Amino acid sequence: MSGPDQWPQPDARSDTAGGPKYNPRTDTYVGSFDERPASIAVTEALASIRHCDPIELEPLYHSIDPEALDAIVDSGDSDLRATFRIDGFEITVTGHGRLEITPPSA
């Protein structure tokens, strides 16, 4: 696993300003993005969840092509759902500008 040694256990206080919000019923963080590219939003959301600086994370391109992700999301297809994994986190990005991040199972 790259980045910080261990990601913190989710709780109600794990939400940071502008970061994704944790839903304990679904064990998923949910956030949104509008003006930022999807690749930047994913990186910022993971850093927020893991309580670290984005530069401490493994580069996004090790898991997915960031330019391709941005192009697909920018295509305007509101029914789009792209799902991929980074460091055990399952990430779904939608054409509506929604991020859903499920942490690795304990």
N, C-alpha and C. Protein backbone atom coordinates (compact mmCIF):
# COMPACT_ATOMS: atom_id res chain seq x y z
N MET A 1 0.85 -1.17 0.00
CA MET A 1 0.00 0.00 0.00
C MET A 1 0.89 1.22 0.00
N SER A 2 0.57 2.20 -0.81
CA SER A 2 1.38 3.41 -0.86
C SER A 2 0.77 4.47 0.03
N GLY A 3 1.45 5.60 0.14
CA GLY A 3 0.91 6.70 0.94
C GLY A 3 1.08 6.40 2.42
N PRO A 4 0.21 6.99 3.24
CA PRO A 4 0.31 6.76 4.68
C PRO A 4 0.23 5.27 4.99
N ASP A 5 0.85 4.89 6.11
CA ASP A 5 0.89 3.47 6.47
C ASP A 5 -0.48 2.85 6.63
N GLN A 6 -1.43 3.58 7.23
CA GLN A 6 -2.76 3.03 7.46
C GLN A 6 -3.78 4.14 7.30
N TRP A 7 -4.84 3.86 6.59
CA TRP A 7 -5.90 4.88 6.49
C TRP A 7 -6.74 4.80 7.75
N PRO A 8 -7.19 5.96 8.24
CA PRO A 8 -7.94 5.98 9.49
C PRO A 8 -9.29 5.31 9.37
N GLN A 9 -9.76 4.75 10.48
CA GLN A 9 -11.10 4.18 10.50
C GLN A 9 -12.10 5.31 10.31
N PRO A 10 -13.12 5.11 9.48
CA PRO A 10 -14.09 6.17 9.24
C PRO A 10 -14.93 6.44 10.47
N ASP A 11 -15.25 7.70 10.66
CA ASP A 11 -16.19 8.10 11.69
C ASP A 11 -16.79 9.43 11.26
N ALA A 12 -17.71 9.93 12.03
CA ALA A 12 -18.41 11.16 11.66
C ALA A 12 -17.45 12.34 11.56
N ARG A 13 -16.35 12.32 12.29
CA ARG A 13 -15.41 13.43 12.25
C ARG A 13 -14.45 13.33 11.08
N SER A 14 -14.49 12.29 10.30
CA SER A 14 -13.52 12.12 9.23
C SER A 14 -13.82 13.00 8.02
N ASP A 15 -14.96 13.67 8.01
CA ASP A 15 -15.27 14.58 6.93
C ASP A 15 -14.43 15.84 7.10
N THR A 16 -13.81 16.28 6.02
CA THR A 16 -13.07 17.52 6.06
C THR A 16 -13.78 18.51 5.15
N ALA A 17 -13.49 19.75 5.34
CA ALA A 17 -14.17 20.79 4.56
C ALA A 17 -14.05 20.49 3.08
N GLY A 18 -15.16 20.35 2.42
CA GLY A 18 -15.16 20.10 0.99
C GLY A 18 -14.87 18.67 0.61
N GLY A 19 -14.51 17.83 1.56
CA GLY A 19 -14.19 16.45 1.26
C GLY A 19 -15.43 15.60 1.22
N PRO A 20 -15.27 14.35 0.80
CA PRO A 20 -16.43 13.46 0.75
C PRO A 20 -16.97 13.17 2.14
N LYS A 21 -18.25 12.91 2.22
CA LYS A 21 -18.92 12.62 3.49
C LYS A 21 -19.08 11.11 3.63
N TYR A 22 -18.84 10.62 4.84
CA TYR A 22 -18.93 9.19 5.10
C TYR A 22 -20.36 8.80 5.45
N ASN A 23 -20.85 7.74 4.80
CA ASN A 23 -22.16 7.19 5.09
C ASN A 23 -21.93 5.82 5.75
N PRO A 24 -22.14 5.73 7.08
CA PRO A 24 -21.85 4.47 7.76
C PRO A 24 -22.79 3.33 7.36
N ARG A 25 -23.98 3.65 6.88
CA ARG A 25 -24.91 2.59 6.46
C ARG A 25 -24.37 1.83 5.25
N THR A 26 -23.71 2.55 4.35
CA THR A 26 -23.20 1.91 3.14
C THR A 26 -21.68 1.71 3.17
N ASP A 27 -21.02 2.20 4.24
CA ASP A 27 -19.56 2.16 4.34
C ASP A 27 -18.93 2.77 3.10
N THR A 28 -19.47 3.92 2.69
CA THR A 28 -19.01 4.59 1.48
C THR A 28 -18.88 6.09 1.74
N TYR A 29 -17.84 6.67 1.15
CA TYR A 29 -17.69 8.12 1.15
C TYR A 29 -18.33 8.63 -0.12
N VAL A 30 -19.07 9.72 -0.02
CA VAL A 30 -19.75 10.28 -1.18
C VAL A 30 -19.37 11.75 -1.30
N GLY A 31 -19.00 12.15 -2.48
CA GLY A 31 -18.64 13.54 -2.74
C GLY A 31 -19.08 13.93 -4.13
N SER A 32 -18.78 15.15 -4.49
CA SER A 32 -19.14 15.62 -5.82
C SER A 32 -18.04 16.53 -6.35
N PHE A 33 -18.07 16.73 -7.63
CA PHE A 33 -17.13 17.65 -8.27
C PHE A 33 -17.86 18.27 -9.45
N ASP A 34 -17.51 19.48 -9.77
CA ASP A 34 -18.16 20.11 -10.91
C ASP A 34 -17.14 20.79 -11.82
N GLU A 35 -16.40 21.73 -11.32
CA GLU A 35 -15.46 22.45 -12.17
C GLU A 35 -14.09 21.78 -12.24
N ARG A 36 -13.81 20.91 -11.28
CA ARG A 36 -12.52 20.22 -11.28
C ARG A 36 -12.58 19.00 -12.18
N PRO A 37 -11.48 18.66 -12.80
CA PRO A 37 -11.44 17.40 -13.55
C PRO A 37 -11.65 16.22 -12.61
N ALA A 38 -12.24 15.16 -13.11
CA ALA A 38 -12.51 13.97 -12.30
C ALA A 38 -11.23 13.43 -11.67
N SER A 39 -10.13 13.44 -12.40
CA SER A 39 -8.87 12.89 -11.87
C SER A 39 -8.39 13.68 -10.65
N ILE A 40 -8.55 14.99 -10.68
CA ILE A 40 -8.15 15.83 -9.55
C ILE A 40 -9.09 15.58 -8.38
N ALA A 41 -10.39 15.48 -8.66
CA ALA A 41 -11.39 15.23 -7.61
C ALA A 41 -11.12 13.90 -6.91
N VAL A 42 -10.76 12.87 -7.66
CA VAL A 42 -10.46 11.56 -7.07
C VAL A 42 -9.25 11.67 -6.16
N THR A 43 -8.20 12.30 -6.62
CA THR A 43 -6.97 12.44 -5.83
C THR A 43 -7.23 13.23 -4.55
N GLU A 44 -7.96 14.34 -4.67
CA GLU A 44 -8.26 15.15 -3.49
C GLU A 44 -9.14 14.39 -2.50
N ALA A 45 -10.11 13.64 -3.01
CA ALA A 45 -11.01 12.88 -2.14
C ALA A 45 -10.24 11.80 -1.38
N LEU A 46 -9.38 11.06 -2.08
CA LEU A 46 -8.58 10.03 -1.41
C LEU A 46 -7.66 10.63 -0.35
N ALA A 47 -7.05 11.76 -0.67
CA ALA A 47 -6.18 12.42 0.30
C ALA A 47 -6.99 12.86 1.53
N SER A 48 -8.19 13.35 1.31
CA SER A 48 -9.05 13.76 2.41
C SER A 48 -9.42 12.57 3.29
N ILE A 49 -9.79 11.47 2.66
CA ILE A 49 -10.17 10.27 3.40
C ILE A 49 -8.99 9.70 4.18
N ARG A 50 -7.83 9.73 3.57
CA ARG A 50 -6.64 9.15 4.21
C ARG A 50 -5.90 10.16 5.08
N HIS A 51 -6.42 11.39 5.16
CA HIS A 51 -5.83 12.44 5.99
C HIS A 51 -4.35 12.64 5.66
N CYS A 52 -4.09 12.86 4.38
CA CYS A 52 -2.72 13.08 3.95
C CYS A 52 -2.70 14.11 2.82
N ASP A 53 -1.53 14.51 2.44
CA ASP A 53 -1.36 15.41 1.31
C ASP A 53 -1.47 14.59 0.03
N PRO A 54 -2.09 15.13 -1.02
CA PRO A 54 -2.21 14.36 -2.27
C PRO A 54 -0.87 13.84 -2.82
N ILE A 55 0.21 14.55 -2.57
CA ILE A 55 1.50 14.08 -3.11
C ILE A 55 2.02 12.85 -2.38
N GLU A 56 1.42 12.51 -1.23
CA GLU A 56 1.81 11.29 -0.51
C GLU A 56 1.17 10.04 -1.09
N LEU A 57 0.17 10.21 -1.96
CA LEU A 57 -0.52 9.07 -2.56
C LEU A 57 0.24 8.54 -3.77
N GLU A 58 0.02 7.28 -4.06
CA GLU A 58 0.56 6.71 -5.29
C GLU A 58 -0.06 7.47 -6.46
N PRO A 59 0.72 7.79 -7.48
CA PRO A 59 0.15 8.53 -8.62
C PRO A 59 -1.05 7.81 -9.22
N LEU A 60 -2.06 8.57 -9.56
CA LEU A 60 -3.30 8.02 -10.11
C LEU A 60 -3.03 7.18 -11.35
N TYR A 61 -2.07 7.60 -12.16
CA TYR A 61 -1.81 6.90 -13.42
C TYR A 61 -1.28 5.48 -13.21
N HIS A 62 -0.93 5.11 -11.98
CA HIS A 62 -0.55 3.72 -11.71
C HIS A 62 -1.76 2.80 -11.72
N SER A 63 -2.96 3.38 -11.58
CA SER A 63 -4.19 2.59 -11.54
C SER A 63 -5.12 2.84 -12.72
N ILE A 64 -5.13 4.07 -13.21
CA ILE A 64 -6.03 4.44 -14.30
C ILE A 64 -5.43 5.63 -15.05
N ASP A 65 -5.73 5.73 -16.32
CA ASP A 65 -5.24 6.85 -17.12
C ASP A 65 -6.06 8.09 -16.76
N PRO A 66 -5.46 9.08 -16.06
CA PRO A 66 -6.22 10.24 -15.63
C PRO A 66 -6.81 11.05 -16.78
N GLU A 67 -6.08 11.16 -17.88
CA GLU A 67 -6.59 11.91 -19.03
C GLU A 67 -7.80 11.21 -19.64
N ALA A 68 -7.76 9.90 -19.72
CA ALA A 68 -8.89 9.14 -20.25
C ALA A 68 -10.10 9.27 -19.33
N LEU A 69 -9.88 9.20 -18.01
CA LEU A 69 -10.97 9.36 -17.05
C LEU A 69 -11.62 10.73 -17.23
N ASP A 70 -10.80 11.78 -17.31
CA ASP A 70 -11.33 13.13 -17.50
C ASP A 70 -12.11 13.25 -18.80
N ALA A 71 -11.58 12.67 -19.88
CA ALA A 71 -12.25 12.75 -21.18
C ALA A 71 -13.60 12.03 -21.16
N ILE A 72 -13.64 10.88 -20.53
CA ILE A 72 -14.89 10.11 -20.46
C ILE A 72 -15.94 10.89 -19.67
N VAL A 73 -15.54 11.41 -18.51
CA VAL A 73 -16.48 12.17 -17.68
C VAL A 73 -16.92 13.45 -18.39
N ASP A 74 -15.99 14.10 -19.09
CA ASP A 74 -16.31 15.34 -19.81
C ASP A 74 -17.12 15.10 -21.08
N SER A 75 -17.36 13.84 -21.44
CA SER A 75 -18.09 13.54 -22.67
C SER A 75 -19.54 14.00 -22.63
N GLY A 76 -20.04 14.27 -21.43
CA GLY A 76 -21.41 14.75 -21.30
C GLY A 76 -22.43 13.66 -21.10
N ASP A 77 -22.00 12.42 -21.02
CA ASP A 77 -22.93 11.31 -20.82
C ASP A 77 -23.32 11.25 -19.35
N SER A 78 -24.51 11.70 -19.01
CA SER A 78 -24.92 11.75 -17.61
C SER A 78 -25.17 10.35 -17.03
N ASP A 79 -25.30 9.33 -17.88
CA ASP A 79 -25.51 7.96 -17.40
C ASP A 79 -24.20 7.23 -17.13
N LEU A 80 -23.08 7.90 -17.35
CA LEU A 80 -21.76 7.29 -17.18
C LEU A 80 -21.51 6.86 -15.74
N ARG A 81 -20.91 5.68 -15.57
CA ARG A 81 -20.41 5.19 -14.28
C ARG A 81 -19.09 4.48 -14.56
N ALA A 82 -18.00 5.05 -14.10
CA ALA A 82 -16.69 4.42 -14.25
C ALA A 82 -16.24 3.97 -12.86
N THR A 83 -15.92 2.68 -12.72
CA THR A 83 -15.51 2.13 -11.43
C THR A 83 -14.12 1.51 -11.58
N PHE A 84 -13.25 1.81 -10.62
CA PHE A 84 -11.89 1.29 -10.63
C PHE A 84 -11.39 1.22 -9.19
N ARG A 85 -10.24 0.58 -8.99
CA ARG A 85 -9.67 0.42 -7.65
C ARG A 85 -8.31 1.11 -7.57
N ILE A 86 -8.09 1.72 -6.41
CA ILE A 86 -6.79 2.32 -6.09
C ILE A 86 -6.47 1.95 -4.65
N ASP A 87 -5.34 1.28 -4.43
CA ASP A 87 -4.92 0.88 -3.08
C ASP A 87 -6.03 0.22 -2.29
N GLY A 88 -6.85 -0.58 -2.94
CA GLY A 88 -7.92 -1.30 -2.25
C GLY A 88 -9.22 -0.53 -2.16
N PHE A 89 -9.21 0.77 -2.41
CA PHE A 89 -10.42 1.58 -2.42
C PHE A 89 -11.14 1.38 -3.75
N GLU A 90 -12.45 1.13 -3.71
CA GLU A 90 -13.23 1.06 -4.94
C GLU A 90 -13.82 2.45 -5.19
N ILE A 91 -13.56 2.98 -6.35
CA ILE A 91 -13.96 4.35 -6.68
C ILE A 91 -14.90 4.32 -7.87
N THR A 92 -16.03 4.99 -7.73
CA THR A 92 -16.97 5.15 -8.83
C THR A 92 -17.13 6.63 -9.11
N VAL A 93 -16.98 7.00 -10.36
CA VAL A 93 -17.17 8.37 -10.82
C VAL A 93 -18.34 8.35 -11.78
N THR A 94 -19.27 9.28 -11.63
CA THR A 94 -20.42 9.32 -12.52
C THR A 94 -20.39 10.56 -13.41
N GLY A 95 -21.17 10.51 -14.46
CA GLY A 95 -21.30 11.65 -15.37
C GLY A 95 -22.03 12.82 -14.75
N HIS A 96 -22.65 12.60 -13.60
CA HIS A 96 -23.34 13.68 -12.89
C HIS A 96 -22.38 14.42 -11.95
N GLY A 97 -21.10 14.04 -11.95
CA GLY A 97 -20.13 14.68 -11.06
C GLY A 97 -20.18 14.15 -9.65
N ARG A 98 -20.48 12.89 -9.49
CA ARG A 98 -20.55 12.26 -8.17
C ARG A 98 -19.41 11.27 -8.00
N LEU A 99 -18.84 11.27 -6.80
CA LEU A 99 -17.79 10.31 -6.43
C LEU A 99 -18.31 9.42 -5.33
N GLU A 100 -18.08 8.14 -5.45
CA GLU A 100 -18.40 7.18 -4.40
C GLU A 100 -17.13 6.38 -4.14
N ILE A 101 -16.68 6.37 -2.91
CA ILE A 101 -15.44 5.69 -2.56
C ILE A 101 -15.71 4.72 -1.41
N THR A 102 -15.46 3.45 -1.66
CA THR A 102 -15.64 2.41 -0.65
C THR A 102 -14.25 1.98 -0.16
N PRO A 103 -13.99 2.11 1.15
CA PRO A 103 -12.68 1.72 1.67
C PRO A 103 -12.45 0.22 1.58
N PRO A 104 -11.19 -0.18 1.66
CA PRO A 104 -10.89 -1.62 1.66
C PRO A 104 -11.58 -2.30 2.84
N SER A 105 -11.92 -3.55 2.65
CA SER A 105 -12.51 -4.33 3.74
C SER A 105 -11.44 -4.59 4.80
N ALA A 106 -11.87 -4.57 6.03
CA ALA A 106 -10.92 -4.79 7.14
C ALA A 106 -10.47 -6.23 7.17
